[in-house]
Amino acid sequence: MRETDYTDSKILDYIHNKSKRKVLAESKAVKHTDDAKQQGFTEEQITRGILSGRLPYVNEETWLFKPLELWDGQLRMYIPAWFVPCAEHENGFDRSTCIYTDQRAANLTFVLLPPVEEKDMDETEEIMKLAVKKEKLDATWLSSDRQVQRDTPIRLFEFIAFVQDGIRTYNQVFLLPVGTERNLCIGTFCCRRSTMDAWRPIVKGMINTLQY
């Protein structure tokens, strides 16, 4: 089996297993979606606030952030300070899959896979998108983009999908190589659609804090 075939199968397994995860109850921390839309922060202001660890954001609340380091420093990113590891991943900082949650309605997942050469990254991204479309026939696609940090593109795409009981979720996916061996990291942020307006600009700011 080719290494890329192995990686592709792991990606498909990841998407399939992710679709089975329980959606938690709506978070009180991000219920003020109308206020969030009215704030009018720029992406740069949000990113600076996240890096400083404090961001006055929703309904005059201050959101706190903390640095997260995974896989012996292969990946660093600022995440909300109240996010904690899922119980089964409590001591999993060096495991290939790390999940952090607000214990209510938002989850942030990191998966480490074998290296993928830069020339194959576009194909890897398309494989993921096709797998999502196959798994989530009713998905609404919002955007697909890439941003360059440290001369390396981070591939991004976001969509809304239905899960159990008719609940809709907002999903932001990002792919990037990490570490000296350039392993493939797949990151996914997920929250309820009802809190997307508050979370969406925050997640973009968090992605801007990535170091790898």
N, C-alpha and C. Protein backbone atom coordinates (compact mmCIF):
# COMPACT_ATOMS: atom_id res chain seq x y z
N MET A 1 0.85 -1.20 0.00
CA MET A 1 0.00 0.00 0.00
C MET A 1 0.87 1.24 0.00
N ARG A 2 0.54 2.20 -0.86
CA ARG A 2 1.28 3.46 -0.89
C ARG A 2 1.00 4.25 0.38
N GLU A 3 1.99 5.06 0.80
CA GLU A 3 1.81 5.87 2.00
C GLU A 3 0.62 6.81 1.84
N THR A 4 0.41 7.35 0.63
CA THR A 4 -0.72 8.25 0.42
C THR A 4 -2.04 7.50 0.53
N ASP A 5 -2.06 6.21 0.12
CA ASP A 5 -3.27 5.41 0.27
C ASP A 5 -3.60 5.23 1.75
N TYR A 6 -2.55 4.98 2.55
CA TYR A 6 -2.76 4.84 3.99
C TYR A 6 -3.31 6.13 4.58
N THR A 7 -2.73 7.25 4.18
CA THR A 7 -3.19 8.54 4.69
C THR A 7 -4.63 8.79 4.29
N ASP A 8 -4.98 8.49 3.03
CA ASP A 8 -6.35 8.68 2.57
C ASP A 8 -7.33 7.87 3.39
N SER A 9 -6.98 6.62 3.71
CA SER A 9 -7.89 5.78 4.49
C SER A 9 -8.06 6.35 5.90
N LYS A 10 -6.98 6.90 6.46
CA LYS A 10 -7.08 7.51 7.79
C LYS A 10 -7.96 8.74 7.76
N ILE A 11 -7.88 9.52 6.69
CA ILE A 11 -8.74 10.70 6.55
C ILE A 11 -10.20 10.28 6.51
N LEU A 12 -10.50 9.26 5.73
CA LEU A 12 -11.88 8.79 5.62
C LEU A 12 -12.38 8.25 6.96
N ASP A 13 -11.51 7.52 7.68
CA ASP A 13 -11.89 7.03 9.00
C ASP A 13 -12.18 8.19 9.94
N TYR A 14 -11.35 9.22 9.87
CA TYR A 14 -11.51 10.39 10.74
C TYR A 14 -12.86 11.06 10.48
N ILE A 15 -13.20 11.27 9.21
CA ILE A 15 -14.46 11.94 8.88
C ILE A 15 -15.65 11.09 9.32
N HIS A 16 -15.56 9.78 9.09
CA HIS A 16 -16.66 8.89 9.46
C HIS A 16 -16.87 8.89 10.98
N ASN A 17 -15.79 8.79 11.73
CA ASN A 17 -15.90 8.75 13.19
C ASN A 17 -16.35 10.09 13.74
N LYS A 18 -15.92 11.18 13.10
CA LYS A 18 -16.30 12.51 13.58
C LYS A 18 -17.81 12.70 13.45
N SER A 19 -18.40 12.14 12.40
CA SER A 19 -19.83 12.33 12.19
C SER A 19 -20.66 11.63 13.27
N LYS A 20 -20.05 10.69 14.02
CA LYS A 20 -20.76 9.96 15.05
C LYS A 20 -20.70 10.64 16.41
N ARG A 21 -19.84 11.67 16.54
CA ARG A 21 -19.67 12.29 17.85
C ARG A 21 -20.93 13.00 18.30
N LYS A 22 -21.18 12.93 19.57
CA LYS A 22 -22.36 13.54 20.15
C LYS A 22 -22.26 15.06 20.11
N VAL A 23 -23.34 15.71 19.73
CA VAL A 23 -23.40 17.17 19.78
C VAL A 23 -23.93 17.56 21.15
N LEU A 24 -23.16 18.36 21.86
CA LEU A 24 -23.51 18.72 23.23
C LEU A 24 -24.52 19.85 23.25
N ALA A 25 -25.09 20.11 24.41
CA ALA A 25 -26.08 21.17 24.56
C ALA A 25 -25.48 22.53 24.24
N GLU A 26 -26.33 23.48 23.89
CA GLU A 26 -25.86 24.80 23.45
C GLU A 26 -25.11 25.53 24.56
N SER A 27 -23.99 26.14 24.19
CA SER A 27 -23.15 26.82 25.16
C SER A 27 -23.73 28.17 25.56
N LYS A 28 -23.75 28.45 26.86
CA LYS A 28 -24.19 29.76 27.33
C LYS A 28 -23.19 30.84 26.98
N ALA A 29 -21.93 30.45 26.79
CA ALA A 29 -20.88 31.43 26.56
C ALA A 29 -20.99 32.13 25.22
N VAL A 30 -21.70 31.55 24.28
CA VAL A 30 -21.77 32.14 22.94
C VAL A 30 -23.21 32.27 22.46
N LYS A 31 -24.13 32.54 23.35
CA LYS A 31 -25.53 32.64 22.95
C LYS A 31 -25.88 34.01 22.38
N HIS A 32 -25.00 35.02 22.57
CA HIS A 32 -25.33 36.38 22.16
C HIS A 32 -24.90 36.62 20.71
N THR A 33 -25.45 35.87 19.78
CA THR A 33 -24.97 35.96 18.41
C THR A 33 -25.28 37.31 17.78
N ASP A 34 -26.41 37.92 18.12
CA ASP A 34 -26.73 39.22 17.55
C ASP A 34 -25.73 40.28 18.01
N ASP A 35 -25.37 40.24 19.30
CA ASP A 35 -24.37 41.17 19.81
C ASP A 35 -23.03 40.96 19.11
N ALA A 36 -22.71 39.70 18.85
CA ALA A 36 -21.44 39.42 18.20
C ALA A 36 -21.39 40.05 16.81
N LYS A 37 -22.52 39.97 16.09
CA LYS A 37 -22.54 40.55 14.74
C LYS A 37 -22.42 42.07 14.78
N GLN A 38 -22.88 42.66 15.88
CA GLN A 38 -22.87 44.13 15.96
C GLN A 38 -21.53 44.70 16.38
N GLN A 39 -20.64 43.87 16.90
CA GLN A 39 -19.38 44.38 17.40
C GLN A 39 -18.50 44.96 16.29
N GLY A 40 -18.45 44.31 15.15
CA GLY A 40 -17.69 44.83 14.02
C GLY A 40 -16.19 44.80 14.19
N PHE A 41 -15.65 43.85 14.95
CA PHE A 41 -14.21 43.72 15.07
C PHE A 41 -13.61 43.29 13.75
N THR A 42 -12.41 43.79 13.44
CA THR A 42 -11.70 43.31 12.26
C THR A 42 -10.99 42.01 12.62
N GLU A 43 -10.61 41.25 11.61
CA GLU A 43 -9.89 40.00 11.85
C GLU A 43 -8.57 40.27 12.57
N GLU A 44 -7.90 41.35 12.21
CA GLU A 44 -6.63 41.69 12.86
C GLU A 44 -6.83 42.01 14.34
N GLN A 45 -7.90 42.75 14.67
CA GLN A 45 -8.18 43.07 16.07
C GLN A 45 -8.49 41.81 16.88
N ILE A 46 -9.24 40.90 16.29
CA ILE A 46 -9.57 39.65 16.97
C ILE A 46 -8.31 38.82 17.20
N THR A 47 -7.46 38.74 16.18
CA THR A 47 -6.23 37.96 16.31
C THR A 47 -5.33 38.54 17.39
N ARG A 48 -5.19 39.86 17.42
CA ARG A 48 -4.36 40.51 18.44
C ARG A 48 -4.93 40.24 19.83
N GLY A 49 -6.25 40.32 19.97
CA GLY A 49 -6.87 40.06 21.26
C GLY A 49 -6.63 38.64 21.72
N ILE A 50 -6.75 37.67 20.81
CA ILE A 50 -6.51 36.27 21.15
C ILE A 50 -5.07 36.06 21.59
N LEU A 51 -4.13 36.65 20.87
CA LEU A 51 -2.72 36.52 21.23
C LEU A 51 -2.40 37.16 22.57
N SER A 52 -3.14 38.20 22.93
CA SER A 52 -2.93 38.85 24.23
C SER A 52 -3.57 38.07 25.36
N GLY A 53 -4.43 37.12 25.00
CA GLY A 53 -5.10 36.30 26.00
C GLY A 53 -6.45 36.82 26.46
N ARG A 54 -6.84 38.03 25.99
CA ARG A 54 -8.11 38.63 26.41
C ARG A 54 -8.77 39.32 25.22
N LEU A 55 -10.05 39.06 25.03
CA LEU A 55 -10.77 39.69 23.94
C LEU A 55 -12.16 40.10 24.41
N PRO A 56 -12.41 41.42 24.61
CA PRO A 56 -13.78 41.87 24.90
C PRO A 56 -14.62 41.65 23.65
N TYR A 57 -15.63 40.80 23.77
CA TYR A 57 -16.27 40.38 22.52
C TYR A 57 -17.78 40.39 22.57
N VAL A 58 -18.38 39.38 23.17
CA VAL A 58 -19.82 39.19 23.07
C VAL A 58 -20.53 39.82 24.26
N ASN A 59 -21.45 40.76 23.97
CA ASN A 59 -22.28 41.36 25.01
C ASN A 59 -21.44 41.87 26.18
N GLU A 60 -20.33 42.53 25.83
CA GLU A 60 -19.41 43.11 26.80
C GLU A 60 -18.75 42.06 27.70
N GLU A 61 -18.79 40.80 27.29
CA GLU A 61 -18.07 39.76 28.00
C GLU A 61 -16.62 39.75 27.51
N THR A 62 -15.71 39.33 28.36
CA THR A 62 -14.32 39.17 27.96
C THR A 62 -14.02 37.69 27.80
N TRP A 63 -13.58 37.30 26.61
CA TRP A 63 -13.20 35.92 26.35
C TRP A 63 -11.71 35.79 26.63
N LEU A 64 -11.33 34.75 27.37
CA LEU A 64 -9.93 34.49 27.69
C LEU A 64 -9.39 33.36 26.83
N PHE A 65 -8.11 33.46 26.48
CA PHE A 65 -7.47 32.46 25.62
C PHE A 65 -6.16 32.00 26.25
N LYS A 66 -5.75 30.80 25.87
CA LYS A 66 -4.52 30.21 26.40
C LYS A 66 -3.76 29.52 25.26
N PRO A 67 -2.43 29.46 25.35
CA PRO A 67 -1.67 28.74 24.33
C PRO A 67 -1.78 27.23 24.52
N LEU A 68 -1.89 26.53 23.41
CA LEU A 68 -1.94 25.07 23.41
C LEU A 68 -0.75 24.56 22.60
N GLU A 69 -0.06 23.55 23.11
CA GLU A 69 1.06 22.94 22.40
C GLU A 69 0.82 21.44 22.30
N LEU A 70 0.96 20.91 21.09
CA LEU A 70 0.71 19.49 20.84
C LEU A 70 1.92 18.83 20.20
N TRP A 71 2.03 17.52 20.44
CA TRP A 71 3.00 16.67 19.75
C TRP A 71 4.43 17.22 19.87
N ASP A 72 4.84 17.44 21.13
CA ASP A 72 6.20 17.91 21.41
C ASP A 72 6.53 19.21 20.68
N GLY A 73 5.55 20.08 20.61
CA GLY A 73 5.78 21.39 20.02
C GLY A 73 5.64 21.47 18.51
N GLN A 74 5.16 20.37 17.88
CA GLN A 74 4.98 20.42 16.43
C GLN A 74 3.89 21.42 16.04
N LEU A 75 2.94 21.64 16.94
CA LEU A 75 1.83 22.56 16.67
C LEU A 75 1.56 23.41 17.90
N ARG A 76 1.39 24.71 17.68
CA ARG A 76 1.00 25.63 18.75
C ARG A 76 -0.15 26.49 18.24
N MET A 77 -1.10 26.75 19.14
CA MET A 77 -2.27 27.53 18.75
C MET A 77 -2.93 28.06 20.01
N TYR A 78 -3.50 29.25 19.94
CA TYR A 78 -4.27 29.79 21.06
C TYR A 78 -5.71 29.30 20.95
N ILE A 79 -6.25 28.83 22.07
CA ILE A 79 -7.62 28.34 22.11
C ILE A 79 -8.33 28.99 23.31
N PRO A 80 -9.67 28.97 23.35
CA PRO A 80 -10.38 29.53 24.50
C PRO A 80 -9.90 28.90 25.81
N ALA A 81 -9.75 29.72 26.84
CA ALA A 81 -9.18 29.25 28.10
C ALA A 81 -10.06 28.22 28.79
N TRP A 82 -11.36 28.22 28.51
CA TRP A 82 -12.26 27.27 29.17
C TRP A 82 -12.37 25.94 28.43
N PHE A 83 -11.69 25.80 27.31
CA PHE A 83 -11.68 24.52 26.61
C PHE A 83 -10.81 23.52 27.38
N VAL A 84 -11.31 22.30 27.52
CA VAL A 84 -10.58 21.26 28.24
C VAL A 84 -10.54 20.01 27.36
N PRO A 85 -9.57 19.11 27.61
CA PRO A 85 -9.53 17.87 26.84
C PRO A 85 -10.77 17.02 27.12
N CYS A 86 -11.27 16.36 26.10
CA CYS A 86 -12.33 15.38 26.33
C CYS A 86 -11.80 14.31 27.29
N ALA A 87 -12.69 13.70 28.04
CA ALA A 87 -12.29 12.78 29.09
C ALA A 87 -11.35 11.69 28.58
N GLU A 88 -11.68 11.11 27.42
CA GLU A 88 -10.86 10.01 26.91
C GLU A 88 -9.53 10.50 26.35
N HIS A 89 -9.39 11.84 26.23
CA HIS A 89 -8.14 12.40 25.71
C HIS A 89 -7.45 13.27 26.77
N GLU A 90 -7.80 13.05 28.03
CA GLU A 90 -7.34 13.93 29.10
C GLU A 90 -5.82 13.98 29.19
N ASN A 91 -5.17 12.84 28.94
CA ASN A 91 -3.72 12.80 28.98
C ASN A 91 -3.14 12.52 27.60
N GLY A 92 -3.81 13.02 26.59
CA GLY A 92 -3.46 12.65 25.23
C GLY A 92 -2.70 13.69 24.44
N PHE A 93 -1.86 14.47 25.10
CA PHE A 93 -1.18 15.54 24.38
C PHE A 93 -0.24 15.01 23.30
N ASP A 94 0.16 13.75 23.41
CA ASP A 94 1.07 13.19 22.42
C ASP A 94 0.39 12.12 21.57
N ARG A 95 -0.91 11.97 21.74
CA ARG A 95 -1.64 11.03 20.90
C ARG A 95 -1.90 11.63 19.53
N SER A 96 -2.24 10.77 18.57
CA SER A 96 -2.46 11.28 17.21
C SER A 96 -3.75 12.06 17.10
N THR A 97 -4.71 11.83 18.00
CA THR A 97 -5.97 12.58 18.00
C THR A 97 -6.14 13.27 19.35
N CYS A 98 -6.35 14.58 19.31
CA CYS A 98 -6.56 15.37 20.53
C CYS A 98 -7.83 16.19 20.36
N ILE A 99 -8.74 16.09 21.32
CA ILE A 99 -10.03 16.77 21.25
C ILE A 99 -10.19 17.68 22.46
N TYR A 100 -10.56 18.92 22.21
CA TYR A 100 -10.82 19.89 23.27
C TYR A 100 -12.24 20.42 23.11
N THR A 101 -12.90 20.68 24.23
CA THR A 101 -14.31 21.05 24.18
C THR A 101 -14.64 22.07 25.26
N ASP A 102 -15.70 22.85 25.01
CA ASP A 102 -16.20 23.75 26.06
C ASP A 102 -17.20 23.02 26.96
N GLN A 103 -17.34 21.71 26.75
CA GLN A 103 -18.22 20.83 27.52
C GLN A 103 -19.69 21.14 27.30
N ARG A 104 -19.98 21.94 26.27
CA ARG A 104 -21.38 22.25 25.98
C ARG A 104 -21.68 22.05 24.51
N ALA A 105 -21.12 22.92 23.65
CA ALA A 105 -21.56 22.87 22.26
C ALA A 105 -20.45 23.08 21.24
N ALA A 106 -19.22 23.32 21.67
CA ALA A 106 -18.13 23.58 20.73
C ALA A 106 -17.00 22.59 20.97
N ASN A 107 -16.42 22.10 19.88
CA ASN A 107 -15.33 21.14 19.95
C ASN A 107 -14.23 21.53 18.98
N LEU A 108 -12.99 21.25 19.37
CA LEU A 108 -11.83 21.49 18.53
C LEU A 108 -11.01 20.22 18.50
N THR A 109 -10.83 19.65 17.30
CA THR A 109 -10.17 18.36 17.15
C THR A 109 -8.91 18.52 16.30
N PHE A 110 -7.84 17.86 16.74
CA PHE A 110 -6.59 17.83 15.98
C PHE A 110 -6.24 16.37 15.72
N VAL A 111 -5.93 16.04 14.46
CA VAL A 111 -5.54 14.69 14.09
C VAL A 111 -4.20 14.77 13.36
N LEU A 112 -3.25 13.94 13.78
CA LEU A 112 -1.92 13.90 13.16
C LEU A 112 -1.81 12.65 12.30
N LEU A 113 -1.48 12.84 11.03
CA LEU A 113 -1.37 11.75 10.07
C LEU A 113 0.03 11.75 9.46
N PRO A 114 0.39 10.68 8.74
CA PRO A 114 1.71 10.63 8.10
C PRO A 114 1.90 11.79 7.12
N PRO A 115 3.16 12.09 6.80
CA PRO A 115 3.45 13.23 5.92
C PRO A 115 2.79 13.08 4.55
N VAL A 116 2.39 14.22 4.01
CA VAL A 116 1.89 14.30 2.63
C VAL A 116 2.71 15.37 1.92
N GLU A 117 3.27 15.02 0.77
CA GLU A 117 4.09 15.99 0.04
C GLU A 117 3.24 17.17 -0.41
N GLU A 118 3.86 18.33 -0.49
CA GLU A 118 3.14 19.54 -0.85
C GLU A 118 2.43 19.38 -2.19
N LYS A 119 3.04 18.67 -3.12
CA LYS A 119 2.43 18.49 -4.44
C LYS A 119 1.15 17.65 -4.37
N ASP A 120 0.97 16.92 -3.26
CA ASP A 120 -0.21 16.07 -3.10
C ASP A 120 -1.27 16.69 -2.18
N MET A 121 -0.98 17.89 -1.65
CA MET A 121 -1.90 18.49 -0.69
C MET A 121 -3.23 18.88 -1.31
N ASP A 122 -3.20 19.37 -2.55
CA ASP A 122 -4.46 19.73 -3.20
C ASP A 122 -5.35 18.49 -3.35
N GLU A 123 -4.75 17.38 -3.73
CA GLU A 123 -5.51 16.14 -3.89
C GLU A 123 -6.05 15.67 -2.54
N THR A 124 -5.24 15.80 -1.49
CA THR A 124 -5.67 15.42 -0.15
C THR A 124 -6.87 16.25 0.29
N GLU A 125 -6.81 17.55 0.02
CA GLU A 125 -7.93 18.43 0.36
C GLU A 125 -9.19 18.02 -0.38
N GLU A 126 -9.05 17.70 -1.65
CA GLU A 126 -10.22 17.30 -2.44
C GLU A 126 -10.79 15.97 -1.95
N ILE A 127 -9.93 15.06 -1.52
CA ILE A 127 -10.40 13.79 -0.96
C ILE A 127 -11.25 14.04 0.27
N MET A 128 -10.79 14.96 1.12
CA MET A 128 -11.56 15.29 2.32
C MET A 128 -12.91 15.89 1.96
N LYS A 129 -12.93 16.81 1.02
CA LYS A 129 -14.18 17.45 0.62
C LYS A 129 -15.16 16.43 0.04
N LEU A 130 -14.64 15.54 -0.81
CA LEU A 130 -15.50 14.52 -1.40
C LEU A 130 -16.06 13.59 -0.33
N ALA A 131 -15.23 13.26 0.66
CA ALA A 131 -15.69 12.39 1.74
C ALA A 131 -16.78 13.07 2.54
N VAL A 132 -16.63 14.36 2.80
CA VAL A 132 -17.66 15.10 3.53
C VAL A 132 -18.95 15.13 2.73
N LYS A 133 -18.84 15.39 1.43
CA LYS A 133 -20.03 15.45 0.58
C LYS A 133 -20.75 14.10 0.54
N LYS A 134 -19.96 13.01 0.57
CA LYS A 134 -20.57 11.69 0.57
C LYS A 134 -21.22 11.38 1.90
N GLU A 135 -20.56 11.79 2.99
CA GLU A 135 -21.07 11.53 4.34
C GLU A 135 -22.23 12.45 4.69
N LYS A 136 -22.14 13.71 4.22
CA LYS A 136 -23.13 14.73 4.55
C LYS A 136 -23.78 15.24 3.26
N LEU A 137 -24.76 14.50 2.78
CA LEU A 137 -25.37 14.86 1.49
C LEU A 137 -26.07 16.20 1.54
N ASP A 138 -26.49 16.64 2.74
CA ASP A 138 -27.23 17.88 2.87
C ASP A 138 -26.34 19.05 3.30
N ALA A 139 -25.03 18.88 3.23
CA ALA A 139 -24.11 19.93 3.68
C ALA A 139 -24.25 21.19 2.83
N THR A 140 -24.16 22.34 3.49
CA THR A 140 -24.13 23.63 2.81
C THR A 140 -22.70 24.16 2.87
N TRP A 141 -22.08 24.37 1.72
CA TRP A 141 -20.69 24.80 1.68
C TRP A 141 -20.62 26.32 1.73
N LEU A 142 -19.75 26.82 2.61
CA LEU A 142 -19.64 28.25 2.82
C LEU A 142 -18.45 28.85 2.07
N SER A 143 -17.28 28.27 2.24
CA SER A 143 -16.10 28.83 1.57
C SER A 143 -14.98 27.81 1.55
N SER A 144 -14.03 28.05 0.68
CA SER A 144 -12.81 27.25 0.59
C SER A 144 -11.68 28.22 0.29
N ASP A 145 -10.62 28.16 1.07
CA ASP A 145 -9.60 29.20 0.95
C ASP A 145 -8.25 28.62 1.38
N ARG A 146 -7.22 29.40 1.24
CA ARG A 146 -5.93 29.06 1.81
C ARG A 146 -5.22 30.33 2.21
N GLN A 147 -4.46 30.26 3.28
CA GLN A 147 -3.67 31.39 3.71
C GLN A 147 -2.24 30.92 3.94
N VAL A 148 -1.29 31.78 3.68
CA VAL A 148 0.11 31.39 3.75
C VAL A 148 0.73 31.94 5.03
N GLN A 149 1.30 31.04 5.81
CA GLN A 149 2.06 31.40 6.99
C GLN A 149 3.40 30.67 6.91
N ARG A 150 4.48 31.40 7.17
CA ARG A 150 5.82 30.81 7.11
C ARG A 150 6.05 30.13 5.76
N ASP A 151 5.58 30.75 4.69
CA ASP A 151 5.76 30.24 3.32
C ASP A 151 5.06 28.91 3.08
N THR A 152 4.18 28.51 3.99
CA THR A 152 3.45 27.25 3.83
C THR A 152 1.96 27.53 3.84
N PRO A 153 1.23 27.10 2.81
CA PRO A 153 -0.22 27.34 2.78
C PRO A 153 -0.98 26.47 3.78
N ILE A 154 -1.94 27.10 4.45
CA ILE A 154 -2.91 26.37 5.27
C ILE A 154 -4.19 26.29 4.46
N ARG A 155 -4.68 25.10 4.22
CA ARG A 155 -5.89 24.92 3.44
C ARG A 155 -7.10 24.91 4.36
N LEU A 156 -8.13 25.67 3.97
CA LEU A 156 -9.30 25.86 4.82
C LEU A 156 -10.57 25.60 4.03
N PHE A 157 -11.54 24.98 4.67
CA PHE A 157 -12.89 24.96 4.09
C PHE A 157 -13.90 24.85 5.23
N GLU A 158 -15.10 25.37 5.00
CA GLU A 158 -16.12 25.40 6.04
C GLU A 158 -17.47 25.06 5.45
N PHE A 159 -18.30 24.44 6.27
CA PHE A 159 -19.60 24.00 5.81
C PHE A 159 -20.55 23.86 7.00
N ILE A 160 -21.84 23.82 6.69
CA ILE A 160 -22.89 23.57 7.67
C ILE A 160 -23.51 22.22 7.34
N ALA A 161 -23.75 21.40 8.36
CA ALA A 161 -24.30 20.07 8.10
C ALA A 161 -25.28 19.70 9.20
N PHE A 162 -26.20 18.81 8.87
CA PHE A 162 -27.14 18.27 9.85
C PHE A 162 -26.50 17.07 10.54
N VAL A 163 -26.76 16.96 11.85
CA VAL A 163 -26.37 15.76 12.58
C VAL A 163 -27.65 15.14 13.15
N GLN A 164 -27.56 14.48 14.28
CA GLN A 164 -28.75 13.79 14.77
C GLN A 164 -29.82 14.77 15.23
N ASP A 165 -31.07 14.31 15.15
CA ASP A 165 -32.22 15.08 15.64
C ASP A 165 -32.39 16.42 14.94
N GLY A 166 -31.93 16.50 13.71
CA GLY A 166 -32.12 17.73 12.94
C GLY A 166 -31.27 18.90 13.37
N ILE A 167 -30.29 18.69 14.24
CA ILE A 167 -29.41 19.77 14.68
C ILE A 167 -28.41 20.08 13.58
N ARG A 168 -28.20 21.37 13.35
CA ARG A 168 -27.22 21.79 12.35
C ARG A 168 -25.95 22.25 13.05
N THR A 169 -24.79 21.94 12.45
CA THR A 169 -23.51 22.34 13.01
C THR A 169 -22.71 23.13 11.98
N TYR A 170 -21.93 24.07 12.49
CA TYR A 170 -20.96 24.81 11.68
C TYR A 170 -19.61 24.13 11.85
N ASN A 171 -18.90 23.88 10.74
CA ASN A 171 -17.63 23.17 10.76
C ASN A 171 -16.58 23.94 9.98
N GLN A 172 -15.45 24.21 10.61
CA GLN A 172 -14.30 24.84 9.96
C GLN A 172 -13.15 23.84 9.99
N VAL A 173 -12.65 23.47 8.82
CA VAL A 173 -11.59 22.48 8.70
C VAL A 173 -10.33 23.16 8.19
N PHE A 174 -9.18 22.82 8.77
CA PHE A 174 -7.92 23.35 8.27
C PHE A 174 -6.88 22.24 8.20
N LEU A 175 -6.08 22.27 7.14
CA LEU A 175 -5.06 21.26 6.89
C LEU A 175 -3.71 21.95 6.75
N LEU A 176 -2.69 21.38 7.38
CA LEU A 176 -1.35 21.96 7.28
C LEU A 176 -0.30 20.93 7.67
N PRO A 177 0.91 21.08 7.14
CA PRO A 177 2.01 20.21 7.55
C PRO A 177 2.65 20.76 8.82
N VAL A 178 3.05 19.87 9.73
CA VAL A 178 3.63 20.31 11.00
C VAL A 178 4.91 19.53 11.30
N GLY A 179 5.78 20.14 12.11
CA GLY A 179 6.99 19.48 12.56
C GLY A 179 8.05 19.36 11.49
N THR A 180 9.21 18.89 11.88
CA THR A 180 10.33 18.75 10.94
C THR A 180 10.05 17.69 9.88
N GLU A 181 9.23 16.69 10.22
CA GLU A 181 8.89 15.65 9.25
C GLU A 181 7.70 16.02 8.39
N ARG A 182 7.09 17.18 8.69
CA ARG A 182 5.96 17.70 7.91
C ARG A 182 4.80 16.73 7.89
N ASN A 183 4.45 16.19 9.07
CA ASN A 183 3.25 15.35 9.18
C ASN A 183 2.02 16.18 8.87
N LEU A 184 0.99 15.52 8.41
CA LEU A 184 -0.26 16.20 8.07
C LEU A 184 -1.11 16.37 9.31
N CYS A 185 -1.49 17.60 9.62
CA CYS A 185 -2.43 17.88 10.70
C CYS A 185 -3.76 18.30 10.10
N ILE A 186 -4.83 17.65 10.56
CA ILE A 186 -6.18 18.05 10.19
C ILE A 186 -6.84 18.61 11.45
N GLY A 187 -7.22 19.87 11.39
CA GLY A 187 -7.91 20.49 12.51
C GLY A 187 -9.36 20.76 12.14
N THR A 188 -10.27 20.57 13.08
CA THR A 188 -11.68 20.82 12.84
C THR A 188 -12.30 21.51 14.05
N PHE A 189 -12.94 22.64 13.78
CA PHE A 189 -13.75 23.28 14.82
C PHE A 189 -15.21 23.04 14.48
N CYS A 190 -16.01 22.71 15.51
CA CYS A 190 -17.42 22.41 15.29
C CYS A 190 -18.25 23.04 16.40
N CYS A 191 -19.35 23.70 16.02
CA CYS A 191 -20.29 24.24 17.00
C CYS A 191 -21.69 24.20 16.40
N ARG A 192 -22.68 24.49 17.19
CA ARG A 192 -24.04 24.54 16.67
C ARG A 192 -24.20 25.72 15.71
N ARG A 193 -25.03 25.53 14.72
CA ARG A 193 -25.27 26.59 13.74
C ARG A 193 -25.77 27.85 14.42
N SER A 194 -26.52 27.73 15.48
CA SER A 194 -27.10 28.88 16.17
C SER A 194 -26.04 29.78 16.80
N THR A 195 -24.83 29.25 17.01
CA THR A 195 -23.76 30.06 17.60
C THR A 195 -22.66 30.39 16.59
N MET A 196 -22.90 30.09 15.32
CA MET A 196 -21.88 30.30 14.30
C MET A 196 -21.44 31.76 14.20
N ASP A 197 -22.38 32.70 14.29
CA ASP A 197 -22.04 34.11 14.10
C ASP A 197 -21.04 34.60 15.15
N ALA A 198 -21.14 34.05 16.35
CA ALA A 198 -20.19 34.42 17.39
C ALA A 198 -18.85 33.71 17.21
N TRP A 199 -18.90 32.44 16.83
CA TRP A 199 -17.68 31.64 16.77
C TRP A 199 -16.88 31.84 15.49
N ARG A 200 -17.53 32.06 14.38
CA ARG A 200 -16.82 32.04 13.10
C ARG A 200 -15.63 33.00 13.05
N PRO A 201 -15.77 34.27 13.41
CA PRO A 201 -14.59 35.16 13.38
C PRO A 201 -13.55 34.79 14.43
N ILE A 202 -13.99 34.21 15.55
CA ILE A 202 -13.05 33.78 16.57
C ILE A 202 -12.16 32.66 16.04
N VAL A 203 -12.77 31.70 15.36
CA VAL A 203 -12.01 30.56 14.84
C VAL A 203 -10.99 31.03 13.80
N LYS A 204 -11.38 31.98 12.96
CA LYS A 204 -10.43 32.51 11.98
C LYS A 204 -9.26 33.18 12.68
N GLY A 205 -9.55 33.90 13.77
CA GLY A 205 -8.46 34.51 14.55
C GLY A 205 -7.58 33.47 15.19
N MET A 206 -8.16 32.38 15.71
CA MET A 206 -7.39 31.30 16.31
C MET A 206 -6.46 30.65 15.28
N ILE A 207 -6.96 30.45 14.07
CA ILE A 207 -6.14 29.87 13.01
C ILE A 207 -4.95 30.77 12.70
N ASN A 208 -5.16 32.08 12.81
CA ASN A 208 -4.07 33.03 12.56
C ASN A 208 -2.96 32.92 13.59
N THR A 209 -3.23 32.29 14.74
CA THR A 209 -2.21 32.15 15.78
C THR A 209 -1.39 30.86 15.64
N LEU A 210 -1.71 30.06 14.63
CA LEU A 210 -1.02 28.77 14.47
C LEU A 210 0.48 28.97 14.28
N GLN A 211 1.26 28.13 14.96
CA GLN A 211 2.69 28.03 14.74
C GLN A 211 3.00 26.56 14.57
N TYR A 212 3.83 26.24 13.57
CA TYR A 212 4.07 24.83 13.25
C TYR A 212 5.41 24.66 12.57
